Amino acid sequence: MIKVTRAIHLFSAFWTLALAFLIFGDVLGRSLLNQPIPGTKEIIQNSVVAITFLQLPLAIYSGAMLRTSIFADAVPLVVRRLLRTFGALLGLVFFVGLIWSTWPSFADAYRIGEYEGEGALRVPTWPVRGTVLVMSFFGAWAYISMIILDWRGQLIDEVSAPGTALDMD
């Protein structure tokens, strides 16, 4: 699963790079030719949401989500495990809530062919909603995996990816 999340993260990095070129081209077009690239705003607006969700699973697996190390480092291992489990359960509840709330809007957007934007470029909303939905499943799965790995003793510490702890790379 770590390799899949890294591949997704790499894809989102290239997507971000493509957006940087799009923005650069749009700025040049506006400045030099007084002709912006049509639909840049809509593409960026939808891409930022998708890119953010594409990066979440690896952030969870690598221990890069928010945590307070000053408190966690001062308590015994069992308490740290309990704190990590509590945090993972909160993350799991969050992603399950996202799945629950995103599914109907994704299904509706797909069914009716919902678009965003006016004029030159209309961007369909279902791919972004679908990305949020699928990455929420990945996020929930990542938290479940982290709890299991932690309680099996296969997680080195809260800032190590399971791949590092398990030599899965």
Protein backbone atom coordinates (compact mmCIF):
# COMPACT_ATOMS: atom_id res chain seq x y z
CA MET A 1 0.00 0.00 0.00
CA ILE A 2 2.94 2.33 0.68
CA LYS A 3 4.10 2.02 -2.92
CA VAL A 4 0.63 2.93 -4.17
CA THR A 5 0.49 6.00 -1.93
CA ARG A 6 3.94 7.06 -3.08
CA ALA A 7 2.89 6.68 -6.72
CA ILE A 8 -0.23 8.76 -6.06
CA HIS A 9 1.92 11.36 -4.33
CA LEU A 10 4.32 11.44 -7.28
CA PHE A 11 1.38 11.88 -9.66
CA SER A 12 0.14 14.82 -7.56
CA ALA A 13 3.64 16.35 -7.62
CA PHE A 14 3.71 16.23 -11.43
CA TRP A 15 0.19 17.66 -11.50
CA THR A 16 1.41 20.52 -9.32
CA LEU A 17 4.31 21.10 -11.70
CA ALA A 18 1.91 21.17 -14.65
CA LEU A 19 -0.19 23.76 -12.80
CA ALA A 20 2.92 25.87 -12.26
CA PHE A 21 3.54 25.86 -16.02
CA LEU A 22 -0.11 26.70 -16.65
CA ILE A 23 0.06 29.65 -14.25
CA PHE A 24 3.35 30.78 -15.81
CA GLY A 25 1.82 30.61 -19.28
CA ASP A 26 -1.29 32.45 -18.11
CA VAL A 27 0.79 35.24 -16.56
CA LEU A 28 2.93 35.54 -19.68
CA GLY A 29 -0.17 35.57 -21.87
CA ARG A 30 -1.76 38.29 -19.76
CA SER A 31 1.40 40.39 -19.55
CA LEU A 32 2.87 40.11 -23.02
CA LEU A 33 -0.10 39.40 -25.27
CA ASN A 34 -3.00 40.67 -23.18
CA GLN A 35 -4.47 37.19 -23.77
CA PRO A 36 -4.80 34.91 -20.73
CA ILE A 37 -5.20 31.15 -21.08
CA PRO A 38 -8.94 30.46 -20.96
CA GLY A 39 -10.12 28.36 -18.01
CA THR A 40 -6.98 28.70 -15.93
CA LYS A 41 -8.96 29.74 -12.86
CA GLU A 42 -11.35 26.77 -13.11
CA ILE A 43 -8.54 24.27 -13.68
CA ILE A 44 -6.50 25.55 -10.74
CA GLN A 45 -9.51 25.84 -8.47
CA ASN A 46 -10.44 22.18 -8.99
CA SER A 47 -6.86 20.92 -9.10
CA VAL A 48 -5.87 22.31 -5.71
CA VAL A 49 -8.59 20.29 -3.98
CA ALA A 50 -7.69 17.11 -5.87
CA ILE A 51 -3.94 17.50 -5.28
CA THR A 52 -4.47 18.06 -1.57
CA PHE A 53 -6.49 14.87 -1.22
CA LEU A 54 -4.05 12.89 -3.37
CA GLN A 55 -1.28 13.73 -0.90
CA LEU A 56 -3.16 12.76 2.27
CA PRO A 57 -2.56 8.98 2.38
CA LEU A 58 1.22 9.30 2.19
CA ALA A 59 1.12 12.07 4.79
CA ILE A 60 -0.74 9.70 7.10
CA TYR A 61 1.58 6.74 6.46
CA SER A 62 4.72 8.84 6.87
CA GLY A 63 3.58 10.34 10.17
CA ALA A 64 3.44 13.84 8.72
CA MET A 65 0.01 14.68 10.08
CA LEU A 66 -0.22 17.08 13.01
CA ARG A 67 1.10 15.91 16.36
CA THR A 68 2.58 17.43 19.49
CA SER A 69 5.94 15.82 20.10
CA ILE A 70 6.77 17.70 23.28
CA PHE A 71 3.97 15.89 25.12
CA ALA A 72 4.19 12.58 23.28
CA ASP A 73 7.94 12.26 23.91
CA ALA A 74 7.47 12.75 27.66
CA VAL A 75 5.15 9.77 28.23
CA PRO A 76 5.79 6.01 28.23
CA LEU A 77 5.44 3.92 25.05
CA VAL A 78 2.02 2.52 25.99
CA VAL A 79 0.62 6.03 26.51
CA ARG A 80 2.14 7.15 23.20
CA ARG A 81 0.49 4.20 21.49
CA LEU A 82 -2.83 5.08 23.08
CA LEU A 83 -2.43 8.71 21.96
CA ARG A 84 -1.55 7.62 18.41
CA THR A 85 -4.53 5.27 18.39
CA PHE A 86 -6.84 8.01 19.63
CA GLY A 87 -5.53 10.39 16.97
CA ALA A 88 -5.88 7.72 14.29
CA LEU A 89 -9.45 7.01 15.40
CA LEU A 90 -10.26 10.73 15.12
CA GLY A 91 -8.74 10.74 11.61
CA LEU A 92 -10.73 7.63 10.74
CA VAL A 93 -13.97 9.25 11.92
CA PHE A 94 -13.12 12.35 9.89
CA PHE A 95 -12.57 10.38 6.68
CA VAL A 96 -15.64 8.21 7.21
CA GLY A 97 -17.60 11.46 7.62
CA LEU A 98 -16.11 12.73 4.35
CA ILE A 99 -17.04 9.50 2.59
CA TRP A 100 -20.58 9.72 3.98
CA SER A 101 -21.03 13.35 2.94
CA THR A 102 -19.20 13.19 -0.41
CA TRP A 103 -20.86 10.13 -1.92
CA PRO A 104 -24.26 11.75 -2.66
CA SER A 105 -22.73 14.88 -4.21
CA PHE A 106 -20.34 12.78 -6.31
CA ALA A 107 -23.17 10.55 -7.53
CA ASP A 108 -25.34 13.57 -8.38
CA ALA A 109 -22.50 15.40 -10.15
CA TYR A 110 -21.75 12.31 -12.22
CA ARG A 111 -25.40 11.57 -12.98
CA ILE A 112 -26.34 15.09 -14.12
CA GLY A 113 -22.99 15.99 -15.69
CA GLU A 114 -22.39 18.95 -13.37
CA TYR A 115 -19.87 21.51 -14.61
CA GLU A 116 -18.15 24.49 -13.08
CA GLY A 117 -17.18 27.59 -14.98
CA GLU A 118 -18.65 29.80 -17.63
CA GLY A 119 -17.65 30.63 -21.16
CA ALA A 120 -14.51 29.22 -22.72
CA LEU A 121 -13.93 26.28 -20.41
CA ARG A 122 -16.36 24.32 -18.31
CA VAL A 123 -14.76 21.81 -15.95
CA PRO A 124 -16.74 18.74 -14.84
CA THR A 125 -17.00 18.52 -11.05
CA TRP A 126 -17.34 14.74 -10.70
CA PRO A 127 -13.61 13.94 -11.10
CA VAL A 128 -12.70 16.20 -8.18
CA ARG A 129 -15.57 14.90 -6.06
CA GLY A 130 -14.55 11.36 -6.99
CA THR A 131 -10.95 12.07 -6.02
CA VAL A 132 -12.09 13.35 -2.63
CA LEU A 133 -14.23 10.24 -2.21
CA VAL A 134 -11.54 7.72 -3.22
CA MET A 135 -8.78 9.45 -1.26
CA SER A 136 -11.05 9.55 1.79
CA PHE A 137 -11.29 5.75 1.51
CA PHE A 138 -7.49 5.63 1.26
CA GLY A 139 -7.16 7.94 4.26
CA ALA A 140 -9.52 5.82 6.36
CA TRP A 141 -7.65 2.67 5.31
CA ALA A 142 -4.32 4.32 6.14
CA TYR A 143 -5.47 5.14 9.66
CA ILE A 144 -6.78 1.60 10.19
CA SER A 145 -3.46 0.22 8.92
CA MET A 146 -1.47 2.51 11.19
CA ILE A 147 -3.43 1.38 14.25
CA ILE A 148 -2.85 -2.28 13.37
CA LEU A 149 0.85 -1.78 12.62
CA ASP A 150 1.33 0.23 15.80
CA TRP A 151 -0.25 -2.35 18.09
CA ARG A 152 1.65 -5.18 16.39
CA GLY A 153 4.88 -3.32 17.14
CA GLN A 154 5.69 -2.89 13.45
CA LEU A 155 5.82 0.89 13.59
CA ILE A 156 9.21 2.22 14.66
CA ASP A 157 7.82 5.51 15.92
CA GLU A 158 5.11 8.01 15.08
CA VAL A 159 7.20 9.73 12.42
CA SER A 160 8.27 6.62 10.52
CA ALA A 161 6.36 5.24 7.59
CA PRO A 162 5.36 1.61 7.91
CA GLY A 163 7.39 0.90 4.80
CA THR A 164 10.48 1.99 6.70
CA ALA A 165 9.54 -0.10 9.71
CA LEU A 166 8.68 -3.16 7.63
CA ASP A 167 11.36 -2.77 4.93
CA MET A 168 8.65 -2.89 2.25
CA ASP A 169 10.54 -0.63 -0.16
